[in-house]
Amino acid sequence: MRFKQTASGLARTFEHIIGEHVRYILHATGNYVLITWRVVVGLTGGIASGKSTVSRLLSTKHKFPIVDADVIARDVVQPGTSAYARIVKQFGEDIVLRDGSLQIDRKKLGSVVFRDAEKRKVLNSIVHPAVRWAMLSAVLKLWMHGESVCILDVPLLVEANLWKMVGWVVIVYWCACYYFASIQI
């Protein structure tokens, strides 16, 4: 319960941040014109930190549009995409599932790239630019549809230097001492 209150408070903080980026200016005719600045908020956190819960709350309860890097990373390697073609060309047909779906066998590809740092670099050089481009495209589409804020849900926002794409960074973290203190109350 306490976590939900914290997440809700985080959403109110987003609303406050966004509110700071809305300005009214006096038009020459005396009418007020609403100028809305576009804001991208980076949401990140470690494994089991509650980032997905915060993301879901911001999306469902507070109606903030979420651009999820994990979803995009799966989408950009679907059959028919250029990243898919480059991955299959680089790593061979053996990494394609044999069930007729033509999907990349993530376990098989993972076993290859996690044993060989050079192959991992090659895979990242294919996937990361495609993900960055798709995230940028998603943000621009949201802005074109009138959204003044969007949230990039990126697990490795800082590590992948994607924090440079956002105006605000929110890190979700979980402290065991806080958790145990709240259980005892």
C-alpha atoms as a PDB file:
ATOM      1  CA  MET A   1       0.000   0.000   0.000  1.00  0.00           C
ATOM      2  CA  ARG A   2       2.768   2.380   0.874  1.00  0.00           C
ATOM      3  CA  PHE A   3       4.442   1.764  -2.514  1.00  0.00           C
ATOM      4  CA  LYS A   4       1.235   2.668  -4.343  1.00  0.00           C
ATOM      5  CA  GLN A   5       1.090   5.942  -2.434  1.00  0.00           C
ATOM      6  CA  THR A   6       4.688   6.627  -3.393  1.00  0.00           C
ATOM      7  CA  ALA A   7       3.998   5.865  -7.055  1.00  0.00           C
ATOM      8  CA  SER A   8       0.929   8.076  -6.976  1.00  0.00           C
ATOM      9  CA  GLY A   9       3.048  10.850  -5.485  1.00  0.00           C
ATOM     10  CA  LEU A  10       5.500  10.340  -8.332  1.00  0.00           C
ATOM     11  CA  ALA A  11       2.665  10.855 -10.823  1.00  0.00           C
ATOM     12  CA  ARG A  12       1.701  14.092  -9.062  1.00  0.00           C
ATOM     13  CA  THR A  13       5.351  15.165  -9.341  1.00  0.00           C
ATOM     14  CA  PHE A  14       5.181  14.509 -13.100  1.00  0.00           C
ATOM     15  CA  GLU A  15       2.044  16.641 -13.274  1.00  0.00           C
ATOM     16  CA  HIS A  16       3.877  19.413 -11.417  1.00  0.00           C
ATOM     17  CA  ILE A  17       6.888  19.164 -13.761  1.00  0.00           C
ATOM     18  CA  ILE A  18       4.635  19.258 -16.791  1.00  0.00           C
ATOM     19  CA  GLY A  19       2.695  22.182 -15.344  1.00  0.00           C
ATOM     20  CA  GLU A  20       5.934  24.161 -15.175  1.00  0.00           C
ATOM     21  CA  HIS A  21       6.316  23.735 -18.919  1.00  0.00           C
ATOM     22  CA  VAL A  22       2.981  25.279 -19.817  1.00  0.00           C
ATOM     23  CA  ARG A  23       3.058  29.047 -20.207  1.00  0.00           C
ATOM     24  CA  TYR A  24       0.482  31.610 -21.182  1.00  0.00           C
ATOM     25  CA  ILE A  25       1.546  34.598 -23.227  1.00  0.00           C
ATOM     26  CA  LEU A  26      -0.432  37.691 -24.082  1.00  0.00           C
ATOM     27  CA  HIS A  27      -1.141  37.851 -27.782  1.00  0.00           C
ATOM     28  CA  ALA A  28      -1.089  41.230 -29.562  1.00  0.00           C
ATOM     29  CA  THR A  29      -4.887  41.142 -29.800  1.00  0.00           C
ATOM     30  CA  GLY A  30      -5.226  40.728 -26.039  1.00  0.00           C
ATOM     31  CA  ASN A  31      -6.180  37.038 -26.247  1.00  0.00           C
ATOM     32  CA  TYR A  32      -4.246  34.476 -24.266  1.00  0.00           C
ATOM     33  CA  VAL A  33      -2.505  31.798 -26.270  1.00  0.00           C
ATOM     34  CA  LEU A  34      -1.484  28.530 -24.670  1.00  0.00           C
ATOM     35  CA  ILE A  35       2.089  27.565 -25.414  1.00  0.00           C
ATOM     36  CA  THR A  36       2.894  23.993 -24.443  1.00  0.00           C
ATOM     37  CA  TRP A  37       6.463  22.802 -24.206  1.00  0.00           C
ATOM     38  CA  ARG A  38       7.143  19.194 -25.050  1.00  0.00           C
ATOM     39  CA  VAL A  39       8.630  17.084 -22.272  1.00  0.00           C
ATOM     40  CA  VAL A  40      10.215  13.641 -22.408  1.00  0.00           C
ATOM     41  CA  VAL A  41      10.666  11.923 -19.053  1.00  0.00           C
ATOM     42  CA  GLY A  42      13.045   8.976 -18.786  1.00  0.00           C
ATOM     43  CA  LEU A  43      11.858   6.295 -16.374  1.00  0.00           C
ATOM     44  CA  THR A  44      14.452   3.754 -15.294  1.00  0.00           C
ATOM     45  CA  GLY A  45      15.290   1.375 -12.482  1.00  0.00           C
ATOM     46  CA  GLY A  46      16.971  -1.886 -11.690  1.00  0.00           C
ATOM     47  CA  ILE A  47      15.534  -5.379 -11.770  1.00  0.00           C
ATOM     48  CA  ALA A  48      12.577  -5.767  -9.373  1.00  0.00           C
ATOM     49  CA  SER A  49      12.689  -2.075  -8.446  1.00  0.00           C
ATOM     50  CA  GLY A  50       9.027  -1.463  -9.252  1.00  0.00           C
ATOM     51  CA  LYS A  51       9.649   0.421 -12.495  1.00  0.00           C
ATOM     52  CA  SER A  52       7.027  -1.590 -14.376  1.00  0.00           C
ATOM     53  CA  THR A  53       4.485  -0.939 -11.630  1.00  0.00           C
ATOM     54  CA  VAL A  54       5.186   2.796 -11.746  1.00  0.00           C
ATOM     55  CA  SER A  55       5.011   2.742 -15.550  1.00  0.00           C
ATOM     56  CA  ARG A  56       1.674   0.904 -15.501  1.00  0.00           C
ATOM     57  CA  LEU A  57       0.275   3.318 -12.897  1.00  0.00           C
ATOM     58  CA  LEU A  58       1.382   6.362 -14.887  1.00  0.00           C
ATOM     59  CA  SER A  59      -0.219   4.902 -18.002  1.00  0.00           C
ATOM     60  CA  THR A  60      -3.510   3.619 -16.607  1.00  0.00           C
ATOM     61  CA  LYS A  61      -4.346   5.936 -13.747  1.00  0.00           C
ATOM     62  CA  HIS A  62      -2.740   9.156 -14.932  1.00  0.00           C
ATOM     63  CA  LYS A  63      -2.982   8.599 -18.726  1.00  0.00           C
ATOM     64  CA  PHE A  64       0.635   9.434 -19.525  1.00  0.00           C
ATOM     65  CA  PRO A  65       1.746   7.839 -22.804  1.00  0.00           C
ATOM     66  CA  ILE A  66       4.534   5.332 -22.267  1.00  0.00           C
ATOM     67  CA  VAL A  67       7.183   4.404 -24.829  1.00  0.00           C
ATOM     68  CA  ASP A  68       8.518   1.050 -23.584  1.00  0.00           C
ATOM     69  CA  ALA A  69      12.043   0.236 -24.788  1.00  0.00           C
ATOM     70  CA  ASP A  70      11.613  -3.486 -24.042  1.00  0.00           C
ATOM     71  CA  VAL A  71       8.554  -3.700 -26.294  1.00  0.00           C
ATOM     72  CA  ILE A  72      10.293  -1.698 -29.008  1.00  0.00           C
ATOM     73  CA  ALA A  73      13.398  -3.913 -28.777  1.00  0.00           C
ATOM     74  CA  ARG A  74      11.215  -6.944 -29.543  1.00  0.00           C
ATOM     75  CA  ASP A  75       9.363  -5.120 -32.338  1.00  0.00           C
ATOM     76  CA  VAL A  76      12.458  -3.961 -34.242  1.00  0.00           C
ATOM     77  CA  VAL A  77      13.706  -7.546 -34.673  1.00  0.00           C
ATOM     78  CA  GLN A  78      10.448  -8.973 -36.035  1.00  0.00           C
ATOM     79  CA  PRO A  79      10.572 -10.757 -39.405  1.00  0.00           C
ATOM     80  CA  GLY A  80      10.469  -8.245 -42.236  1.00  0.00           C
ATOM     81  CA  THR A  81      12.440  -5.507 -40.451  1.00  0.00           C
ATOM     82  CA  SER A  82      15.905  -4.416 -41.536  1.00  0.00           C
ATOM     83  CA  ALA A  83      17.343  -5.274 -38.104  1.00  0.00           C
ATOM     84  CA  TYR A  84      15.960  -8.814 -38.426  1.00  0.00           C
ATOM     85  CA  ALA A  85      17.564  -9.221 -41.866  1.00  0.00           C
ATOM     86  CA  ARG A  86      20.914  -7.928 -40.608  1.00  0.00           C
ATOM     87  CA  ILE A  87      20.847 -10.208 -37.550  1.00  0.00           C
ATOM     88  CA  VAL A  88      20.025 -13.300 -39.620  1.00  0.00           C
ATOM     89  CA  LYS A  89      22.717 -12.363 -42.162  1.00  0.00           C
ATOM     90  CA  GLN A  90      25.296 -11.845 -39.401  1.00  0.00           C
ATOM     91  CA  PHE A  91      24.449 -14.843 -37.193  1.00  0.00           C
ATOM     92  CA  GLY A  92      23.035 -17.304 -39.733  1.00  0.00           C
ATOM     93  CA  GLU A  93      19.748 -19.107 -40.300  1.00  0.00           C
ATOM     94  CA  ASP A  94      20.421 -21.301 -37.247  1.00  0.00           C
ATOM     95  CA  ILE A  95      19.079 -18.555 -34.968  1.00  0.00           C
ATOM     96  CA  VAL A  96      15.627 -18.632 -36.634  1.00  0.00           C
ATOM     97  CA  LEU A  97      12.935 -20.750 -34.953  1.00  0.00           C
ATOM     98  CA  ARG A  98      11.940 -23.824 -36.941  1.00  0.00           C
ATOM     99  CA  ASP A  99       8.236 -23.552 -36.049  1.00  0.00           C
ATOM    100  CA  GLY A 100       7.395 -21.582 -39.200  1.00  0.00           C
ATOM    101  CA  SER A 101       7.039 -18.243 -37.395  1.00  0.00           C
ATOM    102  CA  LEU A 102      10.445 -17.066 -38.681  1.00  0.00           C
ATOM    103  CA  GLN A 103      11.023 -15.434 -35.269  1.00  0.00           C
ATOM    104  CA  ILE A 104      14.544 -15.171 -33.925  1.00  0.00           C
ATOM    105  CA  ASP A 105      15.289 -17.865 -31.349  1.00  0.00           C
ATOM    106  CA  ARG A 106      16.212 -15.545 -28.497  1.00  0.00           C
ATOM    107  CA  LYS A 107      17.662 -18.363 -26.377  1.00  0.00           C
ATOM    108  CA  LYS A 108      19.911 -19.568 -29.169  1.00  0.00           C
ATOM    109  CA  LEU A 109      21.036 -16.047 -30.072  1.00  0.00           C
ATOM    110  CA  GLY A 110      21.585 -15.305 -26.386  1.00  0.00           C
ATOM    111  CA  SER A 111      23.804 -18.362 -25.973  1.00  0.00           C
ATOM    112  CA  VAL A 112      25.929 -17.106 -28.873  1.00  0.00           C
ATOM    113  CA  VAL A 113      26.301 -13.467 -27.843  1.00  0.00           C
ATOM    114  CA  PHE A 114      26.717 -13.990 -24.115  1.00  0.00           C
ATOM    115  CA  ARG A 115      29.729 -16.263 -24.719  1.00  0.00           C
ATOM    116  CA  ASP A 116      31.437 -13.896 -27.169  1.00  0.00           C
ATOM    117  CA  ALA A 117      31.855 -10.190 -26.391  1.00  0.00           C
ATOM    118  CA  GLU A 118      32.625  -9.332 -30.034  1.00  0.00           C
ATOM    119  CA  LYS A 119      29.428 -10.967 -31.268  1.00  0.00           C
ATOM    120  CA  ARG A 120      27.491  -9.162 -28.533  1.00  0.00           C
ATOM    121  CA  LYS A 121      28.929  -5.859 -29.790  1.00  0.00           C
ATOM    122  CA  VAL A 122      27.836  -6.738 -33.321  1.00  0.00           C
ATOM    123  CA  LEU A 123      24.304  -7.541 -32.144  1.00  0.00           C
ATOM    124  CA  ASN A 124      24.134  -4.323 -30.113  1.00  0.00           C
ATOM    125  CA  SER A 125      25.366  -2.320 -33.115  1.00  0.00           C
ATOM    126  CA  ILE A 126      22.360  -3.644 -35.050  1.00  0.00           C
ATOM    127  CA  VAL A 127      19.661  -3.510 -32.382  1.00  0.00           C
ATOM    128  CA  HIS A 128      20.487  -0.327 -30.429  1.00  0.00           C
ATOM    129  CA  PRO A 129      20.275   2.140 -33.344  1.00  0.00           C
ATOM    130  CA  ALA A 130      16.994   0.536 -34.462  1.00  0.00           C
ATOM    131  CA  VAL A 131      15.577   0.864 -30.939  1.00  0.00           C
ATOM    132  CA  ARG A 132      16.724   4.486 -30.617  1.00  0.00           C
ATOM    133  CA  TRP A 133      15.176   5.378 -33.965  1.00  0.00           C
ATOM    134  CA  ALA A 134      11.893   3.625 -33.082  1.00  0.00           C
ATOM    135  CA  MET A 135      11.736   5.402 -29.695  1.00  0.00           C
ATOM    136  CA  LEU A 136      12.362   8.783 -31.309  1.00  0.00           C
ATOM    137  CA  SER A 137       9.722   8.023 -33.919  1.00  0.00           C
ATOM    138  CA  ALA A 138       7.231   7.024 -31.198  1.00  0.00           C
ATOM    139  CA  VAL A 139       7.870  10.254 -29.270  1.00  0.00           C
ATOM    140  CA  LEU A 140       7.417  12.368 -32.410  1.00  0.00           C
ATOM    141  CA  LYS A 141       4.145  10.574 -33.222  1.00  0.00           C
ATOM    142  CA  LEU A 142       2.860  11.244 -29.714  1.00  0.00           C
ATOM    143  CA  TRP A 143       3.758  14.920 -30.044  1.00  0.00           C
ATOM    144  CA  MET A 144       2.053  15.104 -33.435  1.00  0.00           C
ATOM    145  CA  HIS A 145      -1.083  13.698 -31.798  1.00  0.00           C
ATOM    146  CA  GLY A 146      -1.044  16.517 -29.272  1.00  0.00           C
ATOM    147  CA  GLU A 147       0.680  14.909 -26.284  1.00  0.00           C
ATOM    148  CA  SER A 148       2.822  17.390 -24.396  1.00  0.00           C
ATOM    149  CA  VAL A 149       4.602  14.744 -22.370  1.00  0.00           C
ATOM    150  CA  CYS A 150       5.703  11.195 -22.922  1.00  0.00           C
ATOM    151  CA  ILE A 151       7.578   8.798 -20.728  1.00  0.00           C
ATOM    152  CA  LEU A 152      10.411   6.629 -22.020  1.00  0.00           C
ATOM    153  CA  ASP A 153      10.478   3.428 -19.972  1.00  0.00           C
ATOM    154  CA  VAL A 154      14.089   2.298 -20.464  1.00  0.00           C
ATOM    155  CA  PRO A 155      15.784  -0.203 -18.121  1.00  0.00           C
ATOM    156  CA  LEU A 156      19.300   0.899 -19.156  1.00  0.00           C
ATOM    157  CA  LEU A 157      18.602   4.601 -19.669  1.00  0.00           C
ATOM    158  CA  VAL A 158      21.829   5.776 -18.027  1.00  0.00           C
ATOM    159  CA  GLU A 159      24.057   2.861 -19.040  1.00  0.00           C
ATOM    160  CA  ALA A 160      23.108   3.189 -22.730  1.00  0.00           C
ATOM    161  CA  ASN A 161      23.486   7.004 -22.663  1.00  0.00           C
ATOM    162  CA  LEU A 162      19.810   7.392 -23.553  1.00  0.00           C
ATOM    163  CA  TRP A 163      19.400   9.913 -20.751  1.00  0.00           C
ATOM    164  CA  LYS A 164      20.560  12.478 -23.313  1.00  0.00           C
ATOM    165  CA  MET A 165      17.224  12.012 -25.126  1.00  0.00           C
ATOM    166  CA  VAL A 166      15.135  13.116 -22.144  1.00  0.00           C
ATOM    167  CA  GLY A 167      14.503  16.293 -20.218  1.00  0.00           C
ATOM    168  CA  TRP A 168      13.942  14.585 -16.878  1.00  0.00           C
ATOM    169  CA  VAL A 169      15.237  11.307 -15.456  1.00  0.00           C
ATOM    170  CA  VAL A 170      13.240   9.423 -12.819  1.00  0.00           C
ATOM    171  CA  ILE A 171      14.939   6.477 -11.153  1.00  0.00           C
ATOM    172  CA  VAL A 172      12.705   3.954  -9.412  1.00  0.00           C
ATOM    173  CA  TYR A 173      14.488   2.098  -6.669  1.00  0.00           C
ATOM    174  CA  TRP A 174      13.598  -0.248  -3.897  1.00  0.00           C
ATOM    175  CA  CYS A 175      15.229  -0.283  -0.502  1.00  0.00           C
ATOM    176  CA  ALA A 176      15.027  -3.499   1.531  1.00  0.00           C
ATOM    177  CA  CYS A 177      15.223  -1.556   4.788  1.00  0.00           C
ATOM    178  CA  TYR A 178      12.143   0.462   3.784  1.00  0.00           C
ATOM    179  CA  TYR A 179      10.318  -2.723   2.777  1.00  0.00           C
ATOM    180  CA  PHE A 180      11.024  -4.490   6.068  1.00  0.00           C
ATOM    181  CA  ALA A 181      10.096  -1.389   8.041  1.00  0.00           C
ATOM    182  CA  SER A 182       6.737  -1.167   6.255  1.00  0.00           C
ATOM    183  CA  ILE A 183       5.997  -4.870   6.860  1.00  0.00           C
ATOM    184  CA  GLN A 184       6.494  -4.466  10.596  1.00  0.00           C
ATOM    185  CA  ILE A 185       4.103  -1.514  10.844  1.00  0.00           C
END
